[in-house]
N, C-alpha and C. Protein backbone atom coordinates (compact mmCIF):
# COMPACT_ATOMS: atom_id res chain seq x y z
N MET A 1 152.88 251.29 42.17
CA MET A 1 151.54 250.81 42.08
C MET A 1 151.41 250.74 43.38
N THR A 2 150.32 251.67 43.94
CA THR A 2 149.69 251.05 45.24
C THR A 2 148.90 249.74 45.07
N ARG A 3 148.55 248.94 46.22
CA ARG A 3 147.51 247.83 46.46
C ARG A 3 146.63 247.96 45.84
N PRO A 4 145.38 249.13 46.24
CA PRO A 4 144.50 249.17 45.09
C PRO A 4 144.19 249.60 43.85
N ALA A 5 145.37 249.55 43.49
CA ALA A 5 145.69 249.54 42.12
C ALA A 5 145.91 248.41 41.41
N LEU A 6 146.57 247.71 42.25
CA LEU A 6 146.97 246.07 42.12
C LEU A 6 146.03 245.37 41.88
N VAL A 7 145.05 245.71 42.94
CA VAL A 7 144.47 244.67 43.17
C VAL A 7 143.04 244.65 41.69
N ARG A 8 142.91 246.19 41.05
CA ARG A 8 141.70 246.57 40.26
C ARG A 8 142.54 246.40 38.75
N LEU A 9 143.97 246.12 38.66
CA LEU A 9 144.42 245.38 37.97
C LEU A 9 144.54 243.68 37.60
N TRP A 10 144.45 242.96 38.81
CA TRP A 10 144.36 241.57 39.05
C TRP A 10 144.20 240.46 37.84
N PRO A 11 142.17 240.67 37.45
CA PRO A 11 141.74 240.33 36.42
C PRO A 11 141.96 240.33 35.46
N ALA A 12 142.74 241.72 34.77
CA ALA A 12 143.44 241.37 33.32
C ALA A 12 144.78 240.55 33.60
N ILE A 13 145.13 240.67 34.42
CA ILE A 13 146.66 240.34 34.82
C ILE A 13 145.97 238.90 34.54
N ALA A 14 145.73 238.57 35.15
CA ALA A 14 145.24 236.86 35.60
C ALA A 14 144.30 236.70 34.13
N LEU A 15 143.63 237.31 33.14
CA LEU A 15 143.27 236.47 31.92
C LEU A 15 144.37 236.14 30.91
N VAL A 16 145.53 236.91 31.10
CA VAL A 16 146.72 237.31 29.66
C VAL A 16 147.83 236.25 30.30
N PHE A 17 147.60 235.87 32.09
CA PHE A 17 148.69 234.66 32.32
C PHE A 17 147.80 233.08 31.25
N LEU A 18 146.32 233.46 31.55
CA LEU A 18 145.76 232.17 31.00
C LEU A 18 145.72 232.32 29.61
N ALA A 19 145.40 233.01 28.48
CA ALA A 19 145.80 233.33 27.66
C ALA A 19 147.17 233.32 26.72
N SER A 20 148.37 233.13 27.64
CA SER A 20 149.61 233.14 27.47
C SER A 20 150.09 231.52 27.49
N ALA A 21 149.58 231.21 28.32
CA ALA A 21 149.75 229.51 29.63
C ALA A 21 149.37 228.61 28.10
N TRP A 22 147.90 229.00 27.69
CA TRP A 22 147.24 227.46 26.40
C TRP A 22 146.55 228.82 25.66
N THR A 23 146.43 227.96 24.73
CA THR A 23 145.09 227.91 23.83
C THR A 23 144.20 227.11 23.91
N PRO A 24 143.18 226.97 23.83
CA PRO A 24 142.38 226.15 24.16
C PRO A 24 142.00 226.10 22.65
N PRO A 25 142.06 224.33 21.62
CA PRO A 25 141.74 224.00 20.50
C PRO A 25 139.97 224.01 20.18
N ALA A 26 139.79 224.51 19.25
CA ALA A 26 137.88 224.40 18.91
C ALA A 26 137.46 223.28 19.67
N VAL A 27 136.77 223.00 20.95
CA VAL A 27 136.44 221.61 21.14
C VAL A 27 134.80 221.41 21.58
N SER A 28 134.22 220.20 21.36
CA SER A 28 132.86 220.32 21.83
C SER A 28 132.75 220.29 23.47
N ALA A 29 131.75 220.70 23.86
CA ALA A 29 131.79 220.92 25.41
C ALA A 29 131.97 220.08 26.65
N GLN A 30 131.15 218.40 25.88
CA GLN A 30 132.51 217.10 26.74
C GLN A 30 133.83 217.08 26.23
N GLU A 31 134.64 217.67 25.74
CA GLU A 31 136.17 217.40 24.77
C GLU A 31 136.75 218.87 25.91
N ARG A 32 135.98 219.43 26.53
CA ARG A 32 136.79 220.81 27.00
C ARG A 32 137.36 219.55 28.57
N ALA A 33 138.76 220.16 28.84
CA ALA A 33 139.49 219.97 29.59
C ALA A 33 139.54 220.43 30.87
N ARG A 34 139.03 220.36 31.75
CA ARG A 34 139.87 221.88 32.80
C ARG A 34 140.99 221.42 33.06
N ARG A 35 141.97 222.79 33.53
CA ARG A 35 143.07 223.21 33.95
C ARG A 35 142.95 223.65 35.65
N THR A 36 144.27 223.35 35.61
CA THR A 36 143.94 223.68 37.29
C THR A 36 145.08 225.25 36.98
N VAL A 37 144.81 225.76 37.68
CA VAL A 37 145.55 227.07 38.66
C VAL A 37 145.82 226.88 40.23
N LEU A 38 147.03 227.32 40.11
CA LEU A 38 147.43 227.25 41.36
C LEU A 38 148.06 228.71 42.32
N ALA A 39 147.45 229.55 43.11
CA ALA A 39 148.03 230.87 43.39
C ALA A 39 148.54 230.58 44.56
N ILE A 40 149.94 231.14 44.39
CA ILE A 40 150.18 231.01 45.60
C ILE A 40 150.74 232.83 46.26
N HIS A 41 150.42 233.20 47.68
CA HIS A 41 150.17 234.07 48.42
C HIS A 41 151.56 234.50 49.24
N TRP A 42 152.04 235.73 49.30
CA TRP A 42 153.20 235.33 50.55
C TRP A 42 152.95 235.68 51.67
N GLY A 43 151.85 236.26 52.26
CA GLY A 43 151.24 235.92 53.54
C GLY A 43 150.32 235.24 54.20
N PRO A 44 149.78 235.57 54.68
CA PRO A 44 148.85 234.47 55.57
C PRO A 44 147.25 234.33 54.61
N ASP A 45 146.63 233.81 54.83
CA ASP A 45 145.51 233.76 54.19
C ASP A 45 144.12 235.55 55.17
N ASP A 46 144.55 235.80 56.21
CA ASP A 46 143.72 236.56 56.35
C ASP A 46 144.78 238.06 56.27
N TYR A 47 145.45 237.99 55.64
CA TYR A 47 145.96 239.22 54.79
C TYR A 47 144.76 240.32 54.18
N PRO A 48 145.02 241.25 54.58
CA PRO A 48 143.39 242.60 54.18
C PRO A 48 143.39 242.47 52.74
N THR A 49 144.25 241.93 51.70
CA THR A 49 143.81 241.77 50.74
C THR A 49 144.11 240.38 49.80
N ALA A 50 144.21 239.70 50.36
CA ALA A 50 144.19 238.26 49.84
C ALA A 50 142.60 237.48 49.48
N ALA A 51 141.58 237.87 50.02
CA ALA A 51 140.18 237.88 49.11
C ALA A 51 139.91 238.88 48.27
N VAL A 52 140.66 240.01 48.78
CA VAL A 52 139.95 240.74 47.13
C VAL A 52 140.33 239.81 45.86
N VAL A 53 142.17 240.04 46.27
CA VAL A 53 142.86 239.64 45.14
C VAL A 53 142.51 238.54 44.61
N ASN A 54 142.14 237.00 45.53
CA ASN A 54 141.65 235.80 44.83
C ASN A 54 140.82 236.03 44.41
N ALA A 55 139.49 237.21 44.45
CA ALA A 55 138.05 236.65 44.34
C ALA A 55 138.53 237.44 42.55
N SER A 56 139.11 238.71 42.99
CA SER A 56 139.81 239.52 41.16
C SER A 56 139.95 238.03 40.24
N ILE A 57 140.72 237.27 40.42
CA ILE A 57 141.07 235.98 40.16
C ILE A 57 140.31 235.34 39.75
N GLN A 58 139.47 234.72 40.14
CA GLN A 58 138.54 234.00 39.94
C GLN A 58 137.41 234.30 39.16
N ARG A 59 137.36 235.97 39.36
CA ARG A 59 135.95 236.26 38.00
C ARG A 59 137.04 236.14 36.62
N ALA A 60 138.43 236.79 36.92
CA ALA A 60 138.83 236.54 35.72
C ALA A 60 138.62 235.14 34.94
N LEU A 61 139.30 234.49 35.82
CA LEU A 61 138.88 232.92 35.42
C LEU A 61 137.82 232.58 35.01
N ARG A 62 136.98 232.91 35.59
CA ARG A 62 135.32 232.39 35.26
C ARG A 62 134.40 233.09 33.82
N SER A 63 135.51 233.91 33.77
CA SER A 63 134.65 234.97 32.66
C SER A 63 134.64 234.06 31.86
N ASP A 64 135.30 233.91 31.02
CA ASP A 64 135.48 232.43 30.12
C ASP A 64 134.60 231.35 29.69
N PRO A 65 133.40 231.29 29.45
CA PRO A 65 132.59 229.77 30.13
C PRO A 65 132.87 228.55 29.05
N ASN A 66 134.35 229.01 28.24
CA ASN A 66 134.83 227.35 27.68
C ASN A 66 135.84 226.86 27.33
N ILE A 67 136.12 227.93 29.57
CA ILE A 67 137.23 227.31 29.98
C ILE A 67 136.87 226.69 31.07
N GLN A 68 137.61 225.44 31.15
CA GLN A 68 136.58 225.16 32.77
C GLN A 68 138.05 225.86 33.78
N ILE A 69 137.76 225.67 34.98
CA ILE A 69 138.99 226.36 35.84
C ILE A 69 138.87 225.11 37.39
N ASP A 70 140.11 224.79 37.94
CA ASP A 70 139.32 224.22 39.26
C ASP A 70 140.98 225.77 39.76
N TYR A 71 140.87 226.31 40.49
CA TYR A 71 141.11 227.69 41.55
C TYR A 71 141.80 226.87 42.62
N PHE A 72 143.32 227.14 43.06
CA PHE A 72 143.57 226.30 44.54
C PHE A 72 144.39 227.87 44.42
N VAL A 73 144.49 228.56 46.28
CA VAL A 73 145.23 228.89 46.77
C VAL A 73 145.63 228.18 47.68
N GLU A 74 147.11 228.87 47.70
CA GLU A 74 148.63 228.39 48.58
C GLU A 74 148.78 229.64 49.41
N TYR A 75 148.89 229.43 50.78
CA TYR A 75 149.49 230.77 51.31
C TYR A 75 150.99 230.28 52.14
N LEU A 76 152.05 230.81 51.92
CA LEU A 76 153.24 230.14 52.20
C LEU A 76 153.66 231.33 53.57
N ALA A 77 153.13 232.44 54.48
CA ALA A 77 152.39 232.93 55.48
C ALA A 77 154.37 232.83 55.68
N SER A 78 154.75 234.06 54.98
CA SER A 78 156.53 233.96 55.40
C SER A 78 156.88 235.34 55.90
N ASP A 79 155.85 235.94 56.16
CA ASP A 79 155.48 237.03 56.78
C ASP A 79 155.54 236.94 58.53
N ALA A 80 154.95 235.46 58.67
CA ALA A 80 155.09 234.95 60.46
C ALA A 80 156.40 233.68 61.20
N PHE A 81 156.37 233.47 60.18
CA PHE A 81 157.39 232.44 60.37
C PHE A 81 158.68 232.63 60.45
N ALA A 82 160.09 232.07 60.48
CA ALA A 82 160.70 232.23 59.43
C ALA A 82 160.85 230.86 58.08
N ALA A 83 161.76 232.26 57.25
CA ALA A 83 161.31 231.71 55.86
C ALA A 83 161.71 230.09 55.10
N ASP A 84 162.83 230.00 55.81
CA ASP A 84 163.37 228.63 55.88
C ASP A 84 162.63 227.76 56.12
N ALA A 85 161.44 228.11 57.22
CA ALA A 85 160.88 226.52 57.31
C ALA A 85 160.18 226.30 56.93
N VAL A 86 159.14 227.84 56.92
CA VAL A 86 157.51 227.75 56.19
C VAL A 86 158.00 227.83 54.59
N SER A 87 158.72 227.41 54.04
CA SER A 87 159.66 227.20 52.88
C SER A 87 159.29 225.93 52.59
N LEU A 88 160.01 224.99 53.42
CA LEU A 88 159.99 223.32 53.26
C LEU A 88 158.97 223.02 53.52
N ALA A 89 158.46 223.86 54.42
CA ALA A 89 156.88 222.84 54.59
C ALA A 89 155.94 223.54 54.12
N LEU A 90 155.68 224.05 53.04
CA LEU A 90 155.05 224.35 52.05
C LEU A 90 155.07 223.50 51.19
N ALA A 91 156.64 223.19 51.10
CA ALA A 91 156.96 222.43 49.78
C ALA A 91 156.34 221.29 49.80
N ASN A 92 156.84 221.08 50.83
CA ASN A 92 156.46 219.59 51.07
C ASN A 92 154.51 219.28 51.34
N TYR A 93 153.95 220.39 51.71
CA TYR A 93 152.25 220.67 51.47
C TYR A 93 151.77 220.02 49.97
N ILE A 94 152.75 220.97 49.37
CA ILE A 94 152.19 221.02 48.16
C ILE A 94 153.07 219.94 47.39
N ARG A 95 154.21 219.12 47.55
CA ARG A 95 154.05 217.87 46.54
C ARG A 95 153.07 216.89 47.21
N GLU A 96 152.59 216.96 48.58
CA GLU A 96 151.84 215.91 48.76
C GLU A 96 150.34 216.10 48.48
N LYS A 97 149.43 217.46 48.38
CA LYS A 97 148.46 217.62 48.19
C LYS A 97 148.52 217.74 46.69
N TYR A 98 148.98 218.19 45.96
CA TYR A 98 149.07 217.81 44.18
C TYR A 98 149.42 217.06 43.66
N ARG A 99 149.99 216.00 44.65
CA ARG A 99 150.30 214.41 43.75
C ARG A 99 149.58 214.22 42.59
N GLY A 100 149.71 214.09 41.39
CA GLY A 100 149.04 213.22 40.90
C GLY A 100 147.88 214.37 40.21
N ARG A 101 148.23 215.60 40.30
CA ARG A 101 147.07 216.53 39.46
C ARG A 101 148.36 216.75 38.64
N HIS A 102 148.28 217.81 37.42
CA HIS A 102 148.50 218.80 36.47
C HIS A 102 148.51 219.88 37.10
N VAL A 103 149.36 220.56 37.49
CA VAL A 103 148.85 222.40 37.75
C VAL A 103 149.13 222.91 36.26
N ASP A 104 148.57 223.90 35.30
CA ASP A 104 149.16 224.49 34.13
C ASP A 104 149.26 225.47 34.94
N VAL A 105 149.12 226.76 35.19
CA VAL A 105 149.35 228.16 36.05
C VAL A 105 149.40 228.06 36.98
N VAL A 106 150.52 228.28 37.43
CA VAL A 106 150.93 229.20 38.85
C VAL A 106 150.96 230.38 39.11
N ILE A 107 150.70 231.06 39.60
CA ILE A 107 150.66 232.70 40.20
C ILE A 107 151.60 232.69 41.21
N ALA A 108 152.48 233.41 41.47
CA ALA A 108 153.21 233.66 42.35
C ALA A 108 152.42 235.75 43.14
N ILE A 109 152.44 235.52 43.51
CA ILE A 109 151.69 236.86 44.21
C ILE A 109 152.86 237.46 45.35
N ALA A 110 153.66 238.18 44.90
CA ALA A 110 154.73 238.79 45.43
C ALA A 110 155.82 237.81 45.07
N ASP A 111 156.81 238.84 46.00
CA ASP A 111 158.36 238.62 45.54
C ASP A 111 158.67 237.43 46.38
N PRO A 112 158.04 237.10 48.19
CA PRO A 112 158.75 235.96 48.72
C PRO A 112 157.80 234.63 47.95
N ALA A 113 157.00 234.80 47.76
CA ALA A 113 156.40 233.71 46.49
C ALA A 113 156.44 233.20 45.22
N LEU A 114 157.46 233.87 44.34
CA LEU A 114 157.36 234.46 43.51
C LEU A 114 159.43 233.58 43.91
N ARG A 115 159.68 233.93 44.39
CA ARG A 115 160.89 233.03 45.59
C ARG A 115 160.86 232.11 45.78
N PHE A 116 160.17 231.54 46.32
CA PHE A 116 159.27 230.03 46.81
C PHE A 116 159.34 229.17 45.45
N VAL A 117 158.43 229.78 44.32
CA VAL A 117 157.77 229.32 42.84
C VAL A 117 159.44 229.22 41.95
N LEU A 118 160.46 230.07 42.10
CA LEU A 118 161.81 229.75 41.68
C LEU A 118 162.41 228.63 42.64
N ASP A 119 162.68 228.50 43.60
CA ASP A 119 163.26 227.63 44.93
C ASP A 119 162.70 226.12 44.46
N HIS A 120 161.52 226.46 43.95
CA HIS A 120 160.88 225.12 44.20
C HIS A 120 160.52 224.18 43.42
N ARG A 121 160.71 225.45 41.98
CA ARG A 121 159.69 224.97 40.37
C ARG A 121 160.39 223.57 40.03
N ASP A 122 161.53 223.34 40.01
CA ASP A 122 161.72 221.57 39.56
C ASP A 122 160.80 220.63 40.04
N GLU A 123 161.28 220.95 41.34
CA GLU A 123 160.56 219.31 43.07
C GLU A 123 159.04 219.36 42.72
N LEU A 124 158.72 220.77 42.62
CA LEU A 124 157.29 221.00 42.62
C LEU A 124 156.10 220.75 41.71
N PHE A 125 156.56 221.43 40.49
CA PHE A 125 156.20 221.89 39.70
C PHE A 125 156.69 221.02 37.70
N PRO A 126 157.20 219.53 37.84
CA PRO A 126 158.18 218.72 37.10
C PRO A 126 156.99 219.02 35.66
N ASP A 127 156.13 219.18 35.61
CA ASP A 127 155.00 219.17 34.44
C ASP A 127 155.15 220.28 33.42
N ASP A 128 155.98 221.49 34.65
CA ASP A 128 156.16 222.52 34.02
C ASP A 128 155.02 223.25 33.44
N PRO A 129 154.87 224.24 34.67
CA PRO A 129 153.15 224.68 34.19
C PRO A 129 154.19 226.29 33.92
N HIS A 130 152.72 227.02 33.66
CA HIS A 130 153.14 228.49 33.01
C HIS A 130 153.50 228.68 34.83
N ILE A 131 154.54 230.49 34.67
CA ILE A 131 154.23 230.38 35.69
C ILE A 131 154.20 232.03 35.65
N ALA A 132 152.72 232.35 36.13
CA ALA A 132 152.61 234.10 36.16
C ALA A 132 153.34 235.00 37.28
N ALA A 133 154.02 235.85 37.93
CA ALA A 133 154.61 236.98 38.19
C ALA A 133 154.21 238.36 38.02
N ASN A 134 153.86 239.32 38.79
CA ASN A 134 153.57 240.98 39.06
C ASN A 134 155.09 241.24 38.13
N ARG A 135 155.59 241.31 37.65
CA ARG A 135 157.27 241.39 37.83
C ARG A 135 157.73 242.70 38.29
N ARG A 136 156.94 243.42 38.07
CA ARG A 136 156.77 245.53 38.40
C ARG A 136 156.86 245.01 39.86
N VAL A 137 155.30 244.93 40.21
CA VAL A 137 156.15 244.51 41.72
C VAL A 137 157.16 243.59 42.86
N THR A 138 157.33 242.63 41.76
CA THR A 138 158.39 241.92 42.45
C THR A 138 159.49 242.86 42.20
N ILE A 139 160.32 243.90 41.23
CA ILE A 139 161.51 244.47 41.12
C ILE A 139 161.11 244.71 41.84
N THR A 140 160.04 245.98 42.19
CA THR A 140 159.93 247.12 42.90
C THR A 140 160.09 246.19 44.72
N LEU A 141 159.75 245.14 44.81
CA LEU A 141 159.87 244.82 46.64
C LEU A 141 161.24 244.11 46.42
N MET A 142 161.90 243.20 45.31
CA MET A 142 162.97 242.61 45.80
C MET A 142 164.07 243.80 45.35
N ARG A 143 165.37 243.28 46.50
CA ARG A 143 166.58 244.18 46.23
C ARG A 143 166.92 243.84 44.93
N GLU A 144 166.74 243.11 44.55
CA GLU A 144 167.95 242.63 43.20
C GLU A 144 166.71 241.77 42.17
N GLU A 145 166.69 242.07 40.86
CA GLU A 145 165.66 241.60 39.97
C GLU A 145 165.99 239.84 39.58
N PRO A 146 164.82 239.46 40.05
CA PRO A 146 165.32 237.80 39.65
C PRO A 146 165.65 237.47 39.00
N THR A 147 166.56 236.37 38.09
CA THR A 147 166.31 235.94 36.27
C THR A 147 165.81 234.57 36.37
N LEU A 148 164.31 235.17 35.43
CA LEU A 148 163.59 234.25 35.58
C LEU A 148 163.40 233.42 34.34
N PRO A 149 163.09 232.26 34.20
CA PRO A 149 163.88 231.44 33.51
C PRO A 149 162.19 231.51 32.61
N PRO A 150 162.98 230.28 31.26
CA PRO A 150 161.40 229.98 30.14
C PRO A 150 160.60 229.62 31.17
N GLY A 151 159.17 230.13 30.90
CA GLY A 151 157.61 230.08 31.34
C GLY A 151 157.09 230.98 32.00
N PHE A 152 158.37 232.25 32.72
CA PHE A 152 157.66 232.82 33.70
C PHE A 152 156.54 234.18 32.42
N THR A 153 155.57 234.28 32.95
CA THR A 153 155.64 235.48 32.58
C THR A 153 155.01 236.73 33.62
N PRO A 154 156.56 237.64 33.06
CA PRO A 154 156.62 238.93 34.03
C PRO A 154 155.58 239.82 34.06
C-alpha cells in the first residue's frame, strides 16, 4: 500500500479504532465524558506525511459531535537517534506528561511506534487502553510479524 493510499484510509481506520475501543452510552450532553487519544509516530514531527496523517485522524475523531476527544501526538523519532535511547527517553517523557490522565486509545503509526507501545505498554498505559495499529503496514515493514496481545486492533 502506498503512503498516499494509507493517508486516505486513516479517517476510516481511526473511526474503526474508536468504535471498537468504546461504545458511548446514551447520555445527555452534560454527562458526556472526554476521551483521550494518543498517537505515536515513528518519525519526527516534520516528517512529510505526519501533518496529513494527524489532520486525517483528527477529522475522523471529531466527525461525531457526541464524542469529545482530546487528541495528543508524540514522536519517537527513531529514524534520527539510537532506537534504545530514544525509546527510553520517550517512555520517561510520556510517563511524566500523561501522569494522572487516562488514555483511552493509543494509535501506533508504523512499526517502530508499535514496537515501542508493545515494549512499554504495561508501564505507560496501566489502565489498558485500546491499542490501534495498521497491521498490514506493520507486517510489511517488520521482518517478523509481532504477536499482538489482547486489546490491540490490527
